[in-house]
Amino acid sequence: MVKPLDEFSIGEKGVIKTVSGEGKIRRRLFDMGVTPGAEVLQRKKAPLGDPLEVTIRGYELTLRKTEAACVTMEVKG
């Protein structure tokens, strides 16, 4: 199943398929290591859903909901 990172539940894992968005956002995500093929674990979500914390490439990363919406993920079981 494929869905954007901002729709993941806490504890859900997946693999990045694509990263979209306008130039600056896409470049920022790539600079932080958010690239296709990377495995991601949704760790925490703020009470209103923004920001959210994920584990990627062995470190914790906090993303805004708008940034996470640019990341298309394949859910891992």
PDB file of N, CA and C in Angstrom:
ATOM      1  N   MET A   1       0.846  -1.178   0.000  1.00  0.00           N
ATOM      2  CA  MET A   1       0.000   0.000   0.000  1.00  0.00           C
ATOM      3  C   MET A   1       0.894   1.245   0.000  1.00  0.00           C
ATOM      4  N   VAL A   2       0.518   2.242  -0.754  1.00  0.00           N
ATOM      5  CA  VAL A   2       1.295   3.476  -0.876  1.00  0.00           C
ATOM      6  C   VAL A   2       0.479   4.627  -0.304  1.00  0.00           C
ATOM      7  N   LYS A   3       1.141   5.455   0.536  1.00  0.00           N
ATOM      8  CA  LYS A   3       0.485   6.641   1.085  1.00  0.00           C
ATOM      9  C   LYS A   3       1.539   7.656   1.506  1.00  0.00           C
ATOM     10  N   PRO A   4       1.148   8.927   1.678  1.00  0.00           N
ATOM     11  CA  PRO A   4       2.118   9.940   2.078  1.00  0.00           C
ATOM     12  C   PRO A   4       2.543   9.763   3.544  1.00  0.00           C
ATOM     13  N   LEU A   5       3.720  10.217   3.860  1.00  0.00           N
ATOM     14  CA  LEU A   5       4.286  10.077   5.200  1.00  0.00           C
ATOM     15  C   LEU A   5       3.425  10.768   6.260  1.00  0.00           C
ATOM     16  N   ASP A   6       2.772  11.861   5.929  1.00  0.00           N
ATOM     17  CA  ASP A   6       1.965  12.573   6.925  1.00  0.00           C
ATOM     18  C   ASP A   6       0.725  11.791   7.351  1.00  0.00           C
ATOM     19  N   GLU A   7       0.368  10.712   6.645  1.00  0.00           N
ATOM     20  CA  GLU A   7      -0.787   9.886   7.005  1.00  0.00           C
ATOM     21  C   GLU A   7      -0.398   8.637   7.790  1.00  0.00           C
ATOM     22  N   PHE A   8       0.897   8.463   8.080  1.00  0.00           N
ATOM     23  CA  PHE A   8       1.351   7.305   8.846  1.00  0.00           C
ATOM     24  C   PHE A   8       0.910   7.410  10.296  1.00  0.00           C
ATOM     25  N   SER A   9       0.679   6.267  10.923  1.00  0.00           N
ATOM     26  CA  SER A   9       0.356   6.201  12.349  1.00  0.00           C
ATOM     27  C   SER A   9       1.644   5.981  13.123  1.00  0.00           C
ATOM     28  N   ILE A  10       1.611   6.267  14.416  1.00  0.00           N
ATOM     29  CA  ILE A  10       2.775   6.052  15.265  1.00  0.00           C
ATOM     30  C   ILE A  10       3.134   4.569  15.259  1.00  0.00           C
ATOM     31  N   GLY A  11       4.418   4.273  15.052  1.00  0.00           N
ATOM     32  CA  GLY A  11       4.900   2.900  15.011  1.00  0.00           C
ATOM     33  C   GLY A  11       4.868   2.262  13.640  1.00  0.00           C
ATOM     34  N   GLU A  12       4.301   2.942  12.660  1.00  0.00           N
ATOM     35  CA  GLU A  12       4.206   2.396  11.296  1.00  0.00           C
ATOM     36  C   GLU A  12       5.534   2.603  10.556  1.00  0.00           C
ATOM     37  N   LYS A  13       5.924   1.601   9.765  1.00  0.00           N
ATOM     38  CA  LYS A  13       7.176   1.648   9.002  1.00  0.00           C
ATOM     39  C   LYS A  13       6.889   1.665   7.519  1.00  0.00           C
ATOM     40  N   GLY A  14       7.844   2.196   6.770  1.00  0.00           N
ATOM     41  CA  GLY A  14       7.716   2.191   5.321  1.00  0.00           C
ATOM     42  C   GLY A  14       9.024   2.516   4.637  1.00  0.00           C
ATOM     43  N   VAL A  15       9.003   2.424   3.322  1.00  0.00           N
ATOM     44  CA  VAL A  15      10.168   2.742   2.494  1.00  0.00           C
ATOM     45  C   VAL A  15       9.774   3.890   1.564  1.00  0.00           C
ATOM     46  N   ILE A  16      10.643   4.879   1.452  1.00  0.00           N
ATOM     47  CA  ILE A  16      10.367   6.047   0.606  1.00  0.00           C
ATOM     48  C   ILE A  16      10.376   5.626  -0.861  1.00  0.00           C
ATOM     49  N   LYS A  17       9.318   5.992  -1.573  1.00  0.00           N
ATOM     50  CA  LYS A  17       9.225   5.711  -3.006  1.00  0.00           C
ATOM     51  C   LYS A  17       9.590   6.958  -3.816  1.00  0.00           C
ATOM     52  N   THR A  18       8.958   8.095  -3.506  1.00  0.00           N
ATOM     53  CA  THR A  18       9.246   9.340  -4.225  1.00  0.00           C
ATOM     54  C   THR A  18       9.221  10.521  -3.263  1.00  0.00           C
ATOM     55  N   VAL A  19       9.919  11.581  -3.666  1.00  0.00           N
ATOM     56  CA  VAL A  19       9.913  12.838  -2.922  1.00  0.00           C
ATOM     57  C   VAL A  19       9.523  13.912  -3.923  1.00  0.00           C
ATOM     58  N   SER A  20       8.402  14.600  -3.654  1.00  0.00           N
ATOM     59  CA  SER A  20       7.925  15.644  -4.567  1.00  0.00           C
ATOM     60  C   SER A  20       8.053  16.999  -3.882  1.00  0.00           C
ATOM     61  N   GLY A  21       7.353  17.986  -4.390  1.00  0.00           N
ATOM     62  CA  GLY A  21       7.387  19.319  -3.797  1.00  0.00           C
ATOM     63  C   GLY A  21       8.167  20.277  -4.670  1.00  0.00           C
ATOM     64  N   GLU A  22       8.035  21.574  -4.337  1.00  0.00           N
ATOM     65  CA  GLU A  22       8.755  22.583  -5.104  1.00  0.00           C
ATOM     66  C   GLU A  22      10.242  22.533  -4.774  1.00  0.00           C
ATOM     67  N   GLY A  23      11.050  23.191  -5.532  1.00  0.00           N
ATOM     68  CA  GLY A  23      12.506  23.125  -5.440  1.00  0.00           C
ATOM     69  C   GLY A  23      13.107  23.197  -4.048  1.00  0.00           C
ATOM     70  N   LYS A  24      12.763  24.235  -3.276  1.00  0.00           N
ATOM     71  CA  LYS A  24      13.373  24.429  -1.961  1.00  0.00           C
ATOM     72  C   LYS A  24      13.017  23.314  -0.985  1.00  0.00           C
ATOM     73  N   ILE A  25      11.763  22.932  -0.958  1.00  0.00           N
ATOM     74  CA  ILE A  25      11.325  21.881  -0.031  1.00  0.00           C
ATOM     75  C   ILE A  25      11.969  20.556  -0.416  1.00  0.00           C
ATOM     76  N   ARG A  26      11.939  20.234  -1.682  1.00  0.00           N
ATOM     77  CA  ARG A  26      12.514  18.969  -2.153  1.00  0.00           C
ATOM     78  C   ARG A  26      14.004  18.915  -1.852  1.00  0.00           C
ATOM     79  N   ARG A  27      14.699  19.997  -2.106  1.00  0.00           N
ATOM     80  CA  ARG A  27      16.145  20.067  -1.850  1.00  0.00           C
ATOM     81  C   ARG A  27      16.436  19.899  -0.352  1.00  0.00           C
ATOM     82  N   ARG A  28      15.638  20.546   0.496  1.00  0.00           N
ATOM     83  CA  ARG A  28      15.820  20.448   1.948  1.00  0.00           C
ATOM     84  C   ARG A  28      15.629  19.010   2.425  1.00  0.00           C
ATOM     85  N   LEU A  29      14.601  18.339   1.905  1.00  0.00           N
ATOM     86  CA  LEU A  29      14.355  16.945   2.275  1.00  0.00           C
ATOM     87  C   LEU A  29      15.525  16.060   1.856  1.00  0.00           C
ATOM     88  N   PHE A  30      16.019  16.242   0.643  1.00  0.00           N
ATOM     89  CA  PHE A  30      17.170  15.458   0.174  1.00  0.00           C
ATOM     90  C   PHE A  30      18.396  15.715   1.051  1.00  0.00           C
ATOM     91  N   ASP A  31      18.623  16.978   1.431  1.00  0.00           N
ATOM     92  CA  ASP A  31      19.766  17.324   2.277  1.00  0.00           C
ATOM     93  C   ASP A  31      19.683  16.659   3.654  1.00  0.00           C
ATOM     94  N   MET A  32      18.459  16.394   4.126  1.00  0.00           N
ATOM     95  CA  MET A  32      18.273  15.749   5.431  1.00  0.00           C
ATOM     96  C   MET A  32      18.300  14.221   5.331  1.00  0.00           C
ATOM     97  N   GLY A  33      18.506  13.690   4.136  1.00  0.00           N
ATOM     98  CA  GLY A  33      18.583  12.239   3.973  1.00  0.00           C
ATOM     99  C   GLY A  33      17.287  11.566   3.610  1.00  0.00           C
ATOM    100  N   VAL A  34      16.262  12.357   3.307  1.00  0.00           N
ATOM    101  CA  VAL A  34      14.963  11.810   2.911  1.00  0.00           C
ATOM    102  C   VAL A  34      15.029  11.539   1.409  1.00  0.00           C
ATOM    103  N   THR A  35      15.480  10.333   1.059  1.00  0.00           N
ATOM    104  CA  THR A  35      15.680   9.960  -0.340  1.00  0.00           C
ATOM    105  C   THR A  35      15.013   8.622  -0.628  1.00  0.00           C
ATOM    106  N   PRO A  36      14.643   8.373  -1.882  1.00  0.00           N
ATOM    107  CA  PRO A  36      14.009   7.093  -2.225  1.00  0.00           C
ATOM    108  C   PRO A  36      14.861   5.898  -1.787  1.00  0.00           C
ATOM    109  N   GLY A  37      14.183   4.893  -1.238  1.00  0.00           N
ATOM    110  CA  GLY A  37      14.851   3.681  -0.780  1.00  0.00           C
ATOM    111  C   GLY A  37      15.149   3.664   0.709  1.00  0.00           C
ATOM    112  N   ALA A  38      15.090   4.817   1.369  1.00  0.00           N
ATOM    113  CA  ALA A  38      15.369   4.892   2.806  1.00  0.00           C
ATOM    114  C   ALA A  38      14.173   4.353   3.601  1.00  0.00           C
ATOM    115  N   GLU A  39      14.458   3.615   4.676  1.00  0.00           N
ATOM    116  CA  GLU A  39      13.409   3.083   5.537  1.00  0.00           C
ATOM    117  C   GLU A  39      13.084   4.113   6.620  1.00  0.00           C
ATOM    118  N   VAL A  40      11.794   4.297   6.888  1.00  0.00           N
ATOM    119  CA  VAL A  40      11.332   5.303   7.837  1.00  0.00           C
ATOM    120  C   VAL A  40      10.394   4.673   8.860  1.00  0.00           C
ATOM    121  N   LEU A  41      10.546   5.072  10.127  1.00  0.00           N
ATOM    122  CA  LEU A  41       9.655   4.656  11.207  1.00  0.00           C
ATOM    123  C   LEU A  41       9.026   5.904  11.804  1.00  0.00           C
ATOM    124  N   GLN A  42       7.698   5.957  11.848  1.00  0.00           N
ATOM    125  CA  GLN A  42       6.976   7.079  12.470  1.00  0.00           C
ATOM    126  C   GLN A  42       7.074   6.910  13.983  1.00  0.00           C
ATOM    127  N   ARG A  43       7.733   7.847  14.681  1.00  0.00           N
ATOM    128  CA  ARG A  43       7.954   7.725  16.123  1.00  0.00           C
ATOM    129  C   ARG A  43       6.941   8.506  16.957  1.00  0.00           C
ATOM    130  N   LYS A  44       6.765   9.768  16.643  1.00  0.00           N
ATOM    131  CA  LYS A  44       5.901  10.628  17.455  1.00  0.00           C
ATOM    132  C   LYS A  44       5.136  11.583  16.553  1.00  0.00           C
ATOM    133  N   LYS A  45       4.037  12.085  17.088  1.00  0.00           N
ATOM    134  CA  LYS A  45       3.245  13.098  16.398  1.00  0.00           C
ATOM    135  C   LYS A  45       2.778  14.093  17.448  1.00  0.00           C
ATOM    136  N   ALA A  46       2.871  15.371  17.161  1.00  0.00           N
ATOM    137  CA  ALA A  46       2.388  16.393  18.080  1.00  0.00           C
ATOM    138  C   ALA A  46       0.869  16.270  18.211  1.00  0.00           C
ATOM    139  N   PRO A  47       0.290  16.766  19.303  1.00  0.00           N
ATOM    140  CA  PRO A  47      -1.159  16.624  19.513  1.00  0.00           C
ATOM    141  C   PRO A  47      -2.023  17.096  18.336  1.00  0.00           C
ATOM    142  N   LEU A  48      -1.609  18.137  17.650  1.00  0.00           N
ATOM    143  CA  LEU A  48      -2.385  18.613  16.500  1.00  0.00           C
ATOM    144  C   LEU A  48      -1.850  18.070  15.174  1.00  0.00           C
ATOM    145  N   GLY A  49      -0.894  17.115  15.252  1.00  0.00           N
ATOM    146  CA  GLY A  49      -0.391  16.464  14.051  1.00  0.00           C
ATOM    147  C   GLY A  49       0.783  17.154  13.373  1.00  0.00           C
ATOM    148  N   ASP A  50       1.233  18.280  13.913  1.00  0.00           N
ATOM    149  CA  ASP A  50       2.332  19.014  13.295  1.00  0.00           C
ATOM    150  C   ASP A  50       3.223  19.591  14.378  1.00  0.00           C
ATOM    151  N   PRO A  51       4.483  19.280  14.457  1.00  0.00           N
ATOM    152  CA  PRO A  51       5.283  18.449  13.563  1.00  0.00           C
ATOM    153  C   PRO A  51       5.201  16.967  13.927  1.00  0.00           C
ATOM    154  N   LEU A  52       5.931  16.144  13.162  1.00  0.00           N
ATOM    155  CA  LEU A  52       6.010  14.725  13.467  1.00  0.00           C
ATOM    156  C   LEU A  52       7.474  14.303  13.471  1.00  0.00           C
ATOM    157  N   GLU A  53       7.761  13.261  14.251  1.00  0.00           N
ATOM    158  CA  GLU A  53       9.134  12.783  14.370  1.00  0.00           C
ATOM    159  C   GLU A  53       9.250  11.389  13.773  1.00  0.00           C
ATOM    160  N   VAL A  54      10.274  11.203  12.958  1.00  0.00           N
ATOM    161  CA  VAL A  54      10.523   9.913  12.319  1.00  0.00           C
ATOM    162  C   VAL A  54      11.969   9.496  12.584  1.00  0.00           C
ATOM    163  N   THR A  55      12.212   8.202  12.459  1.00  0.00           N
ATOM    164  CA  THR A  55      13.577   7.690  12.486  1.00  0.00           C
ATOM    165  C   THR A  55      13.925   7.287  11.064  1.00  0.00           C
ATOM    166  N   ILE A  56      15.017   7.852  10.556  1.00  0.00           N
ATOM    167  CA  ILE A  56      15.475   7.572   9.199  1.00  0.00           C
ATOM    168  C   ILE A  56      16.991   7.503   9.217  1.00  0.00           C
ATOM    169  N   ARG A  57      17.543   6.469   8.598  1.00  0.00           N
ATOM    170  CA  ARG A  57      18.995   6.282   8.514  1.00  0.00           C
ATOM    171  C   ARG A  57      19.679   6.326   9.881  1.00  0.00           C
ATOM    172  N   GLY A  58      18.981   5.844  10.923  1.00  0.00           N
ATOM    173  CA  GLY A  58      19.567   5.748  12.252  1.00  0.00           C
ATOM    174  C   GLY A  58      19.514   7.003  13.106  1.00  0.00           C
ATOM    175  N   TYR A  59      18.812   8.042  12.671  1.00  0.00           N
ATOM    176  CA  TYR A  59      18.680   9.234  13.506  1.00  0.00           C
ATOM    177  C   TYR A  59      17.244   9.734  13.501  1.00  0.00           C
ATOM    178  N   GLU A  60      16.905  10.531  14.526  1.00  0.00           N
ATOM    179  CA  GLU A  60      15.567  11.092  14.629  1.00  0.00           C
ATOM    180  C   GLU A  60      15.506  12.401  13.853  1.00  0.00           C
ATOM    181  N   LEU A  61      14.420  12.585  13.120  1.00  0.00           N
ATOM    182  CA  LEU A  61      14.234  13.765  12.294  1.00  0.00           C
ATOM    183  C   LEU A  61      12.823  14.293  12.520  1.00  0.00           C
ATOM    184  N   THR A  62      12.711  15.584  12.735  1.00  0.00           N
ATOM    185  CA  THR A  62      11.409  16.215  12.904  1.00  0.00           C
ATOM    186  C   THR A  62      11.042  16.938  11.611  1.00  0.00           C
ATOM    187  N   LEU A  63       9.837  16.644  11.112  1.00  0.00           N
ATOM    188  CA  LEU A  63       9.356  17.229   9.858  1.00  0.00           C
ATOM    189  C   LEU A  63       8.044  17.962  10.072  1.00  0.00           C
ATOM    190  N   ARG A  64       7.844  19.023   9.318  1.00  0.00           N
ATOM    191  CA  ARG A  64       6.540  19.675   9.296  1.00  0.00           C
ATOM    192  C   ARG A  64       5.585  18.792   8.507  1.00  0.00           C
ATOM    193  N   LYS A  65       4.307  18.942   8.776  1.00  0.00           N
ATOM    194  CA  LYS A  65       3.306  18.131   8.080  1.00  0.00           C
ATOM    195  C   LYS A  65       3.334  18.396   6.575  1.00  0.00           C
ATOM    196  N   THR A  66       3.572  19.644   6.178  1.00  0.00           N
ATOM    197  CA  THR A  66       3.626  19.979   4.750  1.00  0.00           C
ATOM    198  C   THR A  66       4.812  19.307   4.065  1.00  0.00           C
ATOM    199  N   GLU A  67       5.931  19.164   4.789  1.00  0.00           N
ATOM    200  CA  GLU A  67       7.098  18.467   4.233  1.00  0.00           C
ATOM    201  C   GLU A  67       6.820  16.977   4.118  1.00  0.00           C
ATOM    202  N   ALA A  68       6.218  16.401   5.178  1.00  0.00           N
ATOM    203  CA  ALA A  68       5.925  14.974   5.186  1.00  0.00           C
ATOM    204  C   ALA A  68       4.927  14.595   4.083  1.00  0.00           C
ATOM    205  N   ALA A  69       4.045  15.521   3.719  1.00  0.00           N
ATOM    206  CA  ALA A  69       3.058  15.261   2.667  1.00  0.00           C
ATOM    207  C   ALA A  69       3.728  15.104   1.301  1.00  0.00           C
ATOM    208  N   CYS A  70       4.946  15.595   1.151  1.00  0.00           N
ATOM    209  CA  CYS A  70       5.687  15.497  -0.128  1.00  0.00           C
ATOM    210  C   CYS A  70       6.380  14.150  -0.288  1.00  0.00           C
ATOM    211  N   VAL A  71       6.367  13.323   0.758  1.00  0.00           N
ATOM    212  CA  VAL A  71       7.092  12.052   0.736  1.00  0.00           C
ATOM    213  C   VAL A  71       6.102  10.904   0.557  1.00  0.00           C
ATOM    214  N   THR A  72       6.186  10.211  -0.573  1.00  0.00           N
ATOM    215  CA  THR A  72       5.322   9.065  -0.846  1.00  0.00           C
ATOM    216  C   THR A  72       6.019   7.810  -0.361  1.00  0.00           C
ATOM    217  N   MET A  73       5.295   7.025   0.458  1.00  0.00           N
ATOM    218  CA  MET A  73       5.880   5.869   1.123  1.00  0.00           C
ATOM    219  C   MET A  73       5.152   4.581   0.727  1.00  0.00           C
ATOM    220  N   GLU A  74       5.893   3.471   0.741  1.00  0.00           N
ATOM    221  CA  GLU A  74       5.276   2.156   0.628  1.00  0.00           C
ATOM    222  C   GLU A  74       5.293   1.543   2.022  1.00  0.00           C
ATOM    223  N   VAL A  75       4.128   1.204   2.527  1.00  0.00           N
ATOM    224  CA  VAL A  75       3.986   0.666   3.889  1.00  0.00           C
ATOM    225  C   VAL A  75       4.615  -0.711   3.976  1.00  0.00           C
ATOM    226  N   LYS A  76       5.395  -0.915   5.034  1.00  0.00           N
ATOM    227  CA  LYS A  76       6.005  -2.210   5.305  1.00  0.00           C
ATOM    228  C   LYS A  76       5.221  -2.914   6.416  1.00  0.00           C
ATOM    229  N   GLY A  77       4.996  -4.194   6.258  1.00  0.00           N
ATOM    230  CA  GLY A  77       4.208  -4.933   7.246  1.00  0.00           C
ATOM    231  C   GLY A  77       4.923  -5.359   8.456  1.00  0.00           C
TER     232      GLY A  77
END
